[in-house]
Amino acid sequence: MAKIKTQYQCTECGGVSLQWQGKCPNCGQWNTLVESLPESSADNRFQSWTGQSAKVQELSSVSAEETPRISCSMSELDRVLGGGLVAGAVVLLGGDPGIGKSTLLLQILARMSQNKASVLYVSGEESASQVALRAQRLELAVEGVKLLPEIRLNAIIQTLKNEKPAVAVIDSIQTIYAEEINSAPGSVSQVRECAAQLTRIAKQSGITIILVGHVTKDGAIAGPRVLEHIVDTVLYFEGDSHSNYRMIRAIKNRFGAANELGVFAMTDKGLKGVANPSAIFLSGYRDDVAGSCVMVTQEGTRPILVEIQALVTDAHGFTPKRLTVGLDQNRLSMLLAVLFRHAGIVCFDQDVFLNAVGGVKILEPATDLAVLLAMVSAFRNRTLPEKSIVFGEVGLSGEVRPVARGQERLKEAEKLGFKNAIIPVANLPKNLKDFSKIKLYGVSNVAEAVDIAFNY
């Protein structure tokens, strides 16, 4: 019997090497080469849905009318998607195990079927009885939901051709395998092949396909990075598994705003949208505690108020600790250097801990000024003025720079009853009468912000 030749494929970039190496020669990542069998090819793998080739046409002659979106019957998810699902779009939903991906998708399929939409749920991880038990536990009306427990790509494609659903869910893409590929389900080649063929079908038939993706221990979607480039929309589940609240963030969206955030509450009947997430994040906020500061972050089109907590204490080792939860740890080191250089506050012998309350991840630099004032508040053991909100970006020379959509942030703070706002001077509104219920302090540098915040 002839020996079967194997190859080594990178789990990060998909590159192929004939022998194992510690470092991938294509992308430079370490310990990412795994043994696999060579791919076999088939002539009809990417055959057209209609059997006809595409024709060249003038772009000006193509109709660009807005296609009606398909509502998910869940306002928070529709917000993240940019108004709903688009016909022929491919959506990739990733998240930690047990965070609620399958529960959410089964909920929206049940609601869409009640609105007379044709839906199909392809389960590659659970049997039909297991899916039925979950629907029964959630008390969902699933009379119109069609279920296919299958992992063979050819069988799934044939079912899509026969049923022609408006929306199809593939749970999950890592369990589907194409018979033309010799490697096991979940491998780089299988994930890339299955995603490419399902995307081709979605574009040619107009079926909206939602793919569920597993994530690695680092939180990134498992499989090749090309998977996120193929699809139209990439959604990530966020949030602490010990909390009752979940967040879905749009990392990529060809049909709406990226970085949009939807907030959900996990109940015994599934996920429910939260209309006012600021009230949730500030439910335990107290303005009489040192080390606490409220900032306004802009998540897509929505301003959200989040409490930033800081703890500054004497270090008991040679190297002070710098720990953040929900914030950029590298930016913390930079802000501590700015605080020392431009405000004269020394923290090189202090342990510094930061936390964005509620499990939300804040990536924008508008949180800089709030982080600085929270650290100064904890270091001096003094509170900020009552009912104060803070936002602004801090530069290396100590200047406080303006941030986008400043007036929308102020309106949200005023609506929730805040009385004081420390903001960049460039973000001060031209007409102060529009914000009569909140007192505005415009600052141009870090020293001025610290003076206003603690010399009231």
Protein backbone atom coordinates (compact mmCIF):
# COMPACT_ATOMS: atom_id res chain seq x y z
CA MET A 1 0.00 0.00 0.00
CA ALA A 2 1.36 3.38 -1.00
CA LYS A 3 2.07 5.78 1.83
CA ILE A 4 -0.41 8.66 2.08
CA LYS A 5 1.39 11.97 1.71
CA THR A 6 0.45 14.65 4.18
CA GLN A 7 1.12 18.35 4.42
CA TYR A 8 1.15 20.95 7.18
CA GLN A 9 -1.28 23.86 7.03
CA CYS A 10 -1.25 27.05 9.08
CA THR A 11 -4.38 27.62 11.16
CA GLU A 12 -3.90 31.40 10.96
CA CYS A 13 -3.21 32.16 7.30
CA GLY A 14 -3.92 28.82 5.58
CA GLY A 15 -0.39 28.57 4.18
CA VAL A 16 0.95 25.10 3.31
CA SER A 17 4.32 23.60 4.20
CA LEU A 18 5.60 20.14 3.21
CA GLN A 19 7.20 19.59 6.62
CA TRP A 20 6.47 20.72 10.14
CA GLN A 21 8.14 23.88 11.35
CA GLY A 22 7.81 25.75 14.58
CA LYS A 23 7.22 29.00 12.74
CA CYS A 24 4.89 29.41 9.76
CA PRO A 25 7.00 30.53 6.76
CA ASN A 26 4.07 32.54 5.35
CA CYS A 27 2.72 34.62 8.24
CA GLY A 28 5.43 34.19 10.87
CA GLN A 29 3.15 32.83 13.63
CA TRP A 30 4.53 30.18 15.98
CA ASN A 31 3.07 26.68 16.57
CA THR A 32 0.25 27.10 14.05
CA LEU A 33 1.15 24.33 11.55
CA VAL A 34 -1.10 21.25 11.81
CA GLU A 35 -0.94 18.05 9.78
CA SER A 36 -3.60 17.59 7.10
CA LEU A 37 -4.25 15.74 3.87
CA PRO A 38 -3.88 17.49 0.49
CA GLU A 39 -7.07 18.95 -0.94
CA SER A 40 -8.70 17.27 -3.90
CA SER A 41 -10.41 19.37 -6.53
CA ALA A 42 -13.77 19.01 -8.28
CA ASP A 43 -14.76 20.81 -11.45
CA ASN A 44 -18.27 21.70 -10.26
CA ARG A 45 -17.44 23.05 -6.82
CA PHE A 46 -18.27 26.64 -7.75
CA GLN A 47 -20.84 25.98 -10.43
CA SER A 48 -23.34 28.81 -10.96
CA TRP A 49 -26.69 28.48 -9.18
CA THR A 50 -28.54 28.98 -12.47
CA GLY A 51 -25.99 27.20 -14.64
CA GLN A 52 -25.24 30.40 -16.57
CA SER A 53 -22.17 32.60 -16.46
CA ALA A 54 -22.34 36.25 -15.39
CA LYS A 55 -22.30 38.89 -18.13
CA VAL A 56 -20.49 42.22 -18.31
CA GLN A 57 -22.84 45.20 -17.91
CA GLU A 58 -22.62 48.95 -17.43
CA LEU A 59 -22.54 49.94 -13.78
CA SER A 60 -24.83 52.88 -14.50
CA SER A 61 -27.49 50.47 -15.78
CA VAL A 62 -27.54 48.41 -12.58
CA SER A 63 -30.53 49.17 -10.36
CA ALA A 64 -29.42 50.64 -7.04
CA GLU A 65 -32.81 50.82 -5.36
CA GLU A 66 -32.79 50.19 -1.63
CA THR A 67 -33.77 46.58 -1.01
CA PRO A 68 -36.29 46.13 1.81
CA ARG A 69 -34.59 44.69 4.86
CA ILE A 70 -35.80 41.62 6.69
CA SER A 71 -36.56 42.47 10.30
CA CYS A 72 -35.28 40.07 12.95
CA SER A 73 -38.26 41.03 15.15
CA MET A 74 -35.70 42.10 17.78
CA SER A 75 -34.95 45.82 17.77
CA GLU A 76 -31.49 45.56 19.34
CA LEU A 77 -30.28 43.06 16.75
CA ASP A 78 -31.82 45.10 13.93
CA ARG A 79 -29.87 48.12 15.24
CA VAL A 80 -26.57 46.22 15.13
CA LEU A 81 -27.28 44.98 11.59
CA GLY A 82 -28.06 48.49 10.37
CA GLY A 83 -31.84 48.09 10.17
CA GLY A 84 -32.27 44.37 9.60
CA LEU A 85 -31.02 41.55 7.39
CA VAL A 86 -30.29 42.18 3.70
CA ALA A 87 -31.33 39.60 1.11
CA GLY A 88 -28.32 37.64 -0.08
CA ALA A 89 -26.10 38.79 2.78
CA VAL A 90 -23.82 36.49 4.80
CA VAL A 91 -23.55 37.22 8.52
CA LEU A 92 -20.91 35.66 10.78
CA LEU A 93 -21.75 35.50 14.51
CA GLY A 94 -18.97 34.55 16.93
CA GLY A 95 -18.71 34.31 20.69
CA ASP A 96 -17.57 32.24 23.65
CA PRO A 97 -19.15 28.83 24.31
CA GLY A 98 -22.46 29.09 26.14
CA ILE A 99 -22.83 32.84 25.72
CA GLY A 100 -26.13 32.49 23.83
CA LYS A 101 -25.44 32.32 20.07
CA SER A 102 -27.73 29.36 19.29
CA THR A 103 -30.39 30.62 21.70
CA LEU A 104 -30.53 34.04 20.03
CA LEU A 105 -30.70 32.62 16.50
CA LEU A 106 -33.43 30.13 17.37
CA GLN A 107 -35.40 33.00 18.93
CA ILE A 108 -35.21 35.22 15.87
CA LEU A 109 -36.08 32.34 13.51
CA ALA A 110 -39.16 31.55 15.61
CA ARG A 111 -40.26 35.21 15.56
CA MET A 112 -39.61 35.55 11.84
CA SER A 113 -41.62 32.41 11.09
CA GLN A 114 -44.55 33.93 12.97
CA ASN A 115 -44.31 36.84 10.53
CA LYS A 116 -44.73 34.40 7.61
CA ALA A 117 -41.02 34.38 6.67
CA SER A 118 -39.53 31.14 5.34
CA VAL A 119 -36.64 30.10 7.61
CA LEU A 120 -34.31 27.11 7.89
CA TYR A 121 -32.16 26.06 10.85
CA VAL A 122 -29.23 23.77 9.96
CA SER A 123 -27.87 22.16 13.12
CA GLY A 124 -24.45 20.56 12.90
CA GLU A 125 -23.86 20.37 16.65
CA GLU A 126 -27.20 19.19 18.05
CA SER A 127 -29.69 16.53 17.07
CA ALA A 128 -33.28 17.39 16.15
CA SER A 129 -34.56 16.34 19.58
CA GLN A 130 -31.98 18.52 21.35
CA VAL A 131 -33.00 21.58 19.33
CA ALA A 132 -36.64 20.81 20.08
CA LEU A 133 -35.90 20.59 23.81
CA ARG A 134 -34.21 24.00 23.72
CA ALA A 135 -37.17 25.52 21.88
CA GLN A 136 -39.51 23.97 24.45
CA ARG A 137 -37.46 25.38 27.34
CA LEU A 138 -37.59 28.85 25.78
CA GLU A 139 -41.33 28.45 25.11
CA LEU A 140 -40.94 29.40 21.45
CA ALA A 141 -43.63 29.00 18.80
CA VAL A 142 -41.64 27.08 16.17
CA GLU A 143 -44.42 25.77 13.93
CA GLY A 144 -42.98 27.47 10.85
CA VAL A 145 -39.28 26.79 11.53
CA LYS A 146 -37.74 24.11 9.29
CA LEU A 147 -34.92 22.07 10.83
CA LEU A 148 -32.11 20.14 9.13
CA PRO A 149 -29.63 18.25 11.36
CA GLU A 150 -26.84 17.81 8.81
CA ILE A 151 -23.10 18.45 8.44
CA ARG A 152 -22.53 17.47 4.79
CA LEU A 153 -22.17 20.59 2.65
CA ASN A 154 -23.63 18.98 -0.51
CA ALA A 155 -26.79 17.94 1.35
CA ILE A 156 -27.16 21.43 2.83
CA ILE A 157 -26.77 23.05 -0.59
CA GLN A 158 -29.37 20.73 -2.11
CA THR A 159 -31.80 21.57 0.72
CA LEU A 160 -31.28 25.28 0.14
CA LYS A 161 -32.08 24.79 -3.55
CA ASN A 162 -35.24 22.82 -2.78
CA GLU A 163 -36.61 24.88 0.14
CA LYS A 164 -35.43 28.35 -0.98
CA PRO A 165 -35.77 29.91 2.51
CA ALA A 166 -35.50 33.65 3.04
CA VAL A 167 -33.11 33.15 5.98
CA ALA A 168 -30.93 30.13 6.77
CA VAL A 169 -28.81 29.59 9.90
CA ILE A 170 -25.74 27.32 9.79
CA ASP A 171 -24.83 26.28 13.34
CA SER A 172 -21.92 26.08 13.09
CA ILE A 173 -19.53 26.58 10.16
CA GLN A 174 -16.80 24.60 11.98
CA THR A 175 -18.94 21.42 11.94
CA ILE A 176 -19.74 21.48 8.19
CA TYR A 177 -17.53 19.53 5.81
CA ALA A 178 -17.19 19.32 2.04
CA GLU A 179 -16.62 15.84 0.66
CA GLU A 180 -14.15 17.21 -1.91
CA ILE A 181 -11.73 18.12 0.90
CA ASN A 182 -9.93 15.28 2.69
CA SER A 183 -9.28 17.14 5.96
CA ALA A 184 -11.50 16.89 9.03
CA PRO A 185 -14.39 19.32 9.80
CA GLY A 186 -13.18 22.50 11.46
CA SER A 187 -9.82 22.53 9.69
CA VAL A 188 -8.64 25.62 7.85
CA SER A 189 -9.31 24.16 4.42
CA GLN A 190 -12.80 22.90 5.33
CA VAL A 191 -13.90 26.19 6.92
CA ARG A 192 -12.61 28.19 3.96
CA GLU A 193 -14.22 25.89 1.38
CA CYS A 194 -17.62 25.67 3.09
CA ALA A 195 -17.79 29.41 3.73
CA ALA A 196 -16.86 30.20 0.12
CA GLN A 197 -19.52 27.90 -1.34
CA LEU A 198 -22.26 29.09 1.03
CA THR A 199 -21.38 32.72 0.26
CA ARG A 200 -21.60 32.02 -3.47
CA ILE A 201 -25.06 30.48 -2.99
CA ALA A 202 -26.25 33.45 -0.92
CA LYS A 203 -25.19 35.95 -3.58
CA GLN A 204 -26.74 34.02 -6.47
CA SER A 205 -30.01 32.99 -4.82
CA GLY A 206 -30.75 35.94 -2.52
CA ILE A 207 -30.91 33.69 0.57
CA THR A 208 -29.66 35.39 3.73
CA ILE A 209 -27.25 33.03 5.49
CA ILE A 210 -26.17 33.41 9.12
CA LEU A 211 -23.03 31.45 10.05
CA VAL A 212 -22.20 30.65 13.67
CA GLY A 213 -18.43 30.66 14.29
CA HIS A 214 -16.42 29.21 17.15
CA VAL A 215 -13.78 31.38 18.82
CA THR A 216 -10.26 30.62 20.01
CA LYS A 217 -8.98 31.14 23.54
CA ASP A 218 -7.86 34.63 22.49
CA GLY A 219 -11.44 35.54 21.51
CA ALA A 220 -10.89 35.60 17.73
CA ILE A 221 -13.06 33.55 15.40
CA ALA A 222 -11.46 30.15 14.76
CA GLY A 223 -10.33 29.30 11.26
CA PRO A 224 -8.55 31.35 8.61
CA ARG A 225 -8.75 35.14 8.73
CA VAL A 226 -10.13 35.05 5.20
CA LEU A 227 -13.43 33.87 6.71
CA GLU A 228 -14.10 37.37 8.05
CA HIS A 229 -13.17 38.90 4.68
CA ILE A 230 -15.60 36.67 2.76
CA VAL A 231 -18.74 37.49 4.75
CA ASP A 232 -20.65 40.78 4.67
CA THR A 233 -21.13 41.27 8.40
CA VAL A 234 -19.11 40.09 11.41
CA LEU A 235 -20.81 40.15 14.83
CA TYR A 236 -19.13 39.35 18.15
CA PHE A 237 -20.85 38.38 21.38
CA GLU A 238 -19.29 40.18 24.34
CA GLY A 239 -19.93 40.25 28.06
CA ASP A 240 -19.09 38.43 31.26
CA SER A 241 -20.50 34.91 31.38
CA HIS A 242 -21.25 35.47 35.07
CA SER A 243 -23.43 38.49 34.26
CA ASN A 244 -27.01 38.51 33.00
CA TYR A 245 -26.17 40.96 30.23
CA ARG A 246 -24.75 40.27 26.79
CA MET A 247 -23.54 42.63 24.09
CA ILE A 248 -23.32 42.11 20.33
CA ARG A 249 -20.87 44.35 18.49
CA ALA A 250 -20.65 44.77 14.71
CA ILE A 251 -16.95 44.55 13.82
CA LYS A 252 -17.63 44.68 10.09
CA ASN A 253 -20.84 45.60 8.27
CA ARG A 254 -21.17 46.31 4.55
CA PHE A 255 -24.78 47.41 5.03
CA GLY A 256 -24.59 49.55 8.16
CA ALA A 257 -22.39 51.27 10.70
CA ALA A 258 -19.45 49.29 12.08
CA ASN A 259 -18.83 49.14 15.84
CA GLU A 260 -22.57 49.34 16.53
CA LEU A 261 -23.54 47.80 19.88
CA GLY A 262 -26.66 45.95 20.95
CA VAL A 263 -27.34 45.10 24.61
CA PHE A 264 -29.34 42.06 25.70
CA ALA A 265 -30.46 40.61 29.00
CA MET A 266 -30.25 36.84 29.45
CA THR A 267 -33.43 35.44 31.04
CA ASP A 268 -34.85 31.96 31.50
CA LYS A 269 -36.87 32.57 28.32
CA GLY A 270 -33.87 33.60 26.23
CA LEU A 271 -32.32 36.93 25.30
CA LYS A 272 -34.28 40.18 25.49
CA GLY A 273 -33.18 43.55 24.15
CA VAL A 274 -32.31 46.36 26.58
CA ALA A 275 -33.75 49.68 25.38
CA ASN A 276 -31.73 51.89 27.79
CA PRO A 277 -28.28 50.33 28.34
CA SER A 278 -26.93 53.42 30.13
CA ALA A 279 -29.33 52.80 33.00
CA ILE A 280 -28.09 49.22 33.24
CA PHE A 281 -24.40 50.18 33.29
CA LEU A 282 -25.03 52.87 35.92
CA SER A 283 -27.37 50.83 38.12
CA GLY A 284 -24.78 50.52 40.90
CA TYR A 285 -23.10 53.91 40.42
CA ARG A 286 -22.48 56.13 43.44
CA ASP A 287 -21.01 59.61 43.05
CA ASP A 288 -19.77 59.75 46.66
CA VAL A 289 -17.07 57.10 46.13
CA ALA A 290 -13.47 58.00 45.28
CA GLY A 291 -12.01 56.41 42.16
CA SER A 292 -15.27 56.46 40.20
CA CYS A 293 -15.93 58.50 37.07
CA VAL A 294 -18.70 58.33 34.46
CA MET A 295 -17.83 58.77 30.79
CA VAL A 296 -19.93 58.83 27.61
CA THR A 297 -18.75 56.41 24.94
CA GLN A 298 -20.09 56.45 21.40
CA GLU A 299 -20.90 52.94 20.21
CA GLY A 300 -21.82 53.31 16.55
CA THR A 301 -24.77 55.70 16.49
CA ARG A 302 -25.64 55.33 20.18
CA PRO A 303 -24.08 57.23 23.12
CA ILE A 304 -23.78 55.07 26.24
CA LEU A 305 -22.83 56.15 29.75
CA VAL A 306 -20.33 53.81 31.44
CA GLU A 307 -18.76 54.00 34.89
CA ILE A 308 -14.96 53.83 35.02
CA GLN A 309 -13.54 52.59 38.33
CA ALA A 310 -9.92 53.00 39.39
CA LEU A 311 -7.96 51.66 42.33
CA VAL A 312 -4.52 53.12 43.09
CA THR A 313 -2.61 51.60 46.00
CA ASP A 314 0.99 51.22 47.20
CA ALA A 315 2.94 48.59 45.29
CA HIS A 316 4.43 45.75 47.35
CA GLY A 317 6.76 44.41 44.69
CA PHE A 318 9.60 45.67 42.55
CA THR A 319 7.33 46.03 39.52
CA PRO A 320 4.02 47.90 40.02
CA LYS A 321 0.97 46.17 38.57
CA ARG A 322 -1.06 47.66 35.72
CA LEU A 323 -4.33 45.80 35.15
CA THR A 324 -7.35 46.80 33.07
CA VAL A 325 -10.73 45.17 32.43
CA GLY A 326 -12.57 46.41 29.35
CA LEU A 327 -9.91 49.06 28.55
CA ASP A 328 -6.61 49.15 26.65
CA GLN A 329 -3.76 48.25 29.00
CA ASN A 330 -1.07 49.78 26.78
CA ARG A 331 -2.90 53.10 26.78
CA LEU A 332 -2.94 53.05 30.59
CA SER A 333 0.87 53.15 30.69
CA MET A 334 0.87 56.12 28.34
CA LEU A 335 -1.73 58.00 30.43
CA LEU A 336 0.27 57.43 33.62
CA ALA A 337 3.30 58.98 31.94
CA VAL A 338 1.22 61.96 30.78
CA LEU A 339 -0.19 62.36 34.30
CA PHE A 340 3.29 62.53 35.78
CA ARG A 341 4.80 64.81 33.12
CA HIS A 342 1.99 67.34 32.77
CA ALA A 343 0.14 67.20 36.11
CA GLY A 344 2.98 66.32 38.49
CA ILE A 345 1.18 63.27 39.95
CA VAL A 346 3.65 60.42 40.59
CA CYS A 347 2.28 56.87 40.32
CA PHE A 348 5.44 54.91 39.44
CA ASP A 349 5.39 53.21 42.88
CA GLN A 350 1.64 52.50 42.82
CA ASP A 351 -0.40 49.53 41.64
CA VAL A 352 -3.12 50.74 39.26
CA PHE A 353 -6.29 48.78 38.48
CA LEU A 354 -9.01 49.93 36.06
CA ASN A 355 -12.44 48.50 35.33
CA ALA A 356 -15.20 49.43 32.89
CA VAL A 357 -18.31 48.43 34.86
CA GLY A 358 -20.82 46.17 33.17
CA GLY A 359 -18.47 44.04 31.07
CA VAL A 360 -18.43 46.46 28.13
CA LYS A 361 -15.21 46.91 26.14
CA ILE A 362 -14.33 50.53 25.35
CA LEU A 363 -11.91 50.92 22.47
CA GLU A 364 -12.20 54.60 21.57
CA PRO A 365 -9.69 57.19 22.93
CA ALA A 366 -12.52 59.39 24.24
CA THR A 367 -12.16 57.52 27.54
CA ASP A 368 -8.68 58.98 28.22
CA LEU A 369 -9.76 61.96 30.32
CA ALA A 370 -12.21 59.89 32.37
CA VAL A 371 -9.49 57.32 33.12
CA LEU A 372 -7.06 60.05 34.22
CA LEU A 373 -9.56 61.71 36.55
CA ALA A 374 -10.65 58.34 38.00
CA MET A 375 -7.00 57.53 38.81
CA VAL A 376 -6.42 60.95 40.39
CA SER A 377 -9.63 60.54 42.39
CA ALA A 378 -8.46 57.17 43.72
CA PHE A 379 -4.90 58.43 44.37
CA ARG A 380 -6.06 61.50 46.32
CA ASN A 381 -9.10 59.73 47.83
CA ARG A 382 -11.35 62.56 46.68
CA THR A 383 -14.58 62.38 44.74
CA LEU A 384 -15.47 64.25 41.59
CA PRO A 385 -18.24 66.88 41.64
CA GLU A 386 -21.72 65.46 42.13
CA LYS A 387 -23.39 63.99 39.00
CA SER A 388 -20.40 64.61 36.72
CA ILE A 389 -19.60 63.09 33.34
CA VAL A 390 -16.25 63.28 31.56
CA PHE A 391 -15.00 62.56 28.05
CA GLY A 392 -12.04 63.63 25.92
CA GLU A 393 -8.90 62.32 24.24
CA VAL A 394 -5.52 63.07 25.81
CA GLY A 395 -2.36 63.64 23.77
CA LEU A 396 1.25 63.03 24.74
CA SER A 397 1.86 66.75 25.25
CA GLY A 398 -0.95 66.86 27.81
CA GLU A 399 -3.54 68.52 25.58
CA VAL A 400 -7.19 67.45 25.72
CA ARG A 401 -8.47 66.87 22.20
CA PRO A 402 -12.08 66.98 21.01
CA VAL A 403 -14.00 63.80 20.19
CA ALA A 404 -16.67 63.06 17.62
CA ARG A 405 -20.38 63.68 18.31
CA GLY A 406 -19.79 65.69 21.46
CA GLN A 407 -23.27 67.22 21.56
CA GLU A 408 -24.95 63.83 21.27
CA ARG A 409 -22.96 62.66 24.28
CA LEU A 410 -24.00 65.74 26.27
CA LYS A 411 -27.66 65.26 25.40
CA GLU A 412 -27.55 61.67 26.64
CA ALA A 413 -25.91 62.77 29.93
CA GLU A 414 -28.43 65.57 30.38
CA LYS A 415 -31.31 63.19 29.73
CA LEU A 416 -30.09 60.92 32.54
CA GLY A 417 -29.90 63.79 35.04
CA PHE A 418 -26.19 64.64 35.15
CA LYS A 419 -25.40 68.19 36.29
CA ASN A 420 -21.71 68.72 35.44
CA ALA A 421 -19.60 67.88 32.41
CA ILE A 422 -15.81 68.16 32.04
CA ILE A 423 -15.14 68.06 28.31
CA PRO A 424 -12.63 69.34 25.73
CA VAL A 425 -12.98 73.06 25.12
CA ALA A 426 -13.42 72.38 21.39
CA ASN A 427 -16.52 70.29 22.17
CA LEU A 428 -18.32 73.15 23.92
CA PRO A 429 -21.57 73.86 22.04
CA LYS A 430 -21.92 77.24 20.34
CA ASN A 431 -25.29 77.84 21.96
CA LEU A 432 -25.03 77.07 25.68
CA LYS A 433 -28.77 77.63 26.08
CA ASP A 434 -29.36 74.24 24.47
CA PHE A 435 -27.84 72.64 27.58
CA SER A 436 -29.37 74.68 30.38
CA LYS A 437 -29.69 71.72 32.79
CA ILE A 438 -26.01 70.77 32.79
CA LYS A 439 -22.99 72.91 33.70
CA LEU A 440 -20.20 72.63 31.14
CA TYR A 441 -16.47 72.96 31.91
CA GLY A 442 -14.24 73.17 28.84
CA VAL A 443 -10.61 72.15 29.43
CA SER A 444 -7.63 72.37 27.09
CA ASN A 445 -5.01 70.34 29.02
CA VAL A 446 -4.68 67.71 31.74
CA ALA A 447 -3.56 70.11 34.51
CA GLU A 448 -6.62 72.29 33.94
CA ALA A 449 -8.93 69.26 34.05
CA VAL A 450 -7.44 68.04 37.35
CA ASP A 451 -7.75 71.54 38.84
CA ILE A 452 -11.43 71.87 37.88
CA ALA A 453 -12.33 68.35 38.98
CA PHE A 454 -10.83 68.53 42.49
CA ASN A 455 -10.84 72.22 43.44
CA TYR A 456 -14.58 72.75 43.28
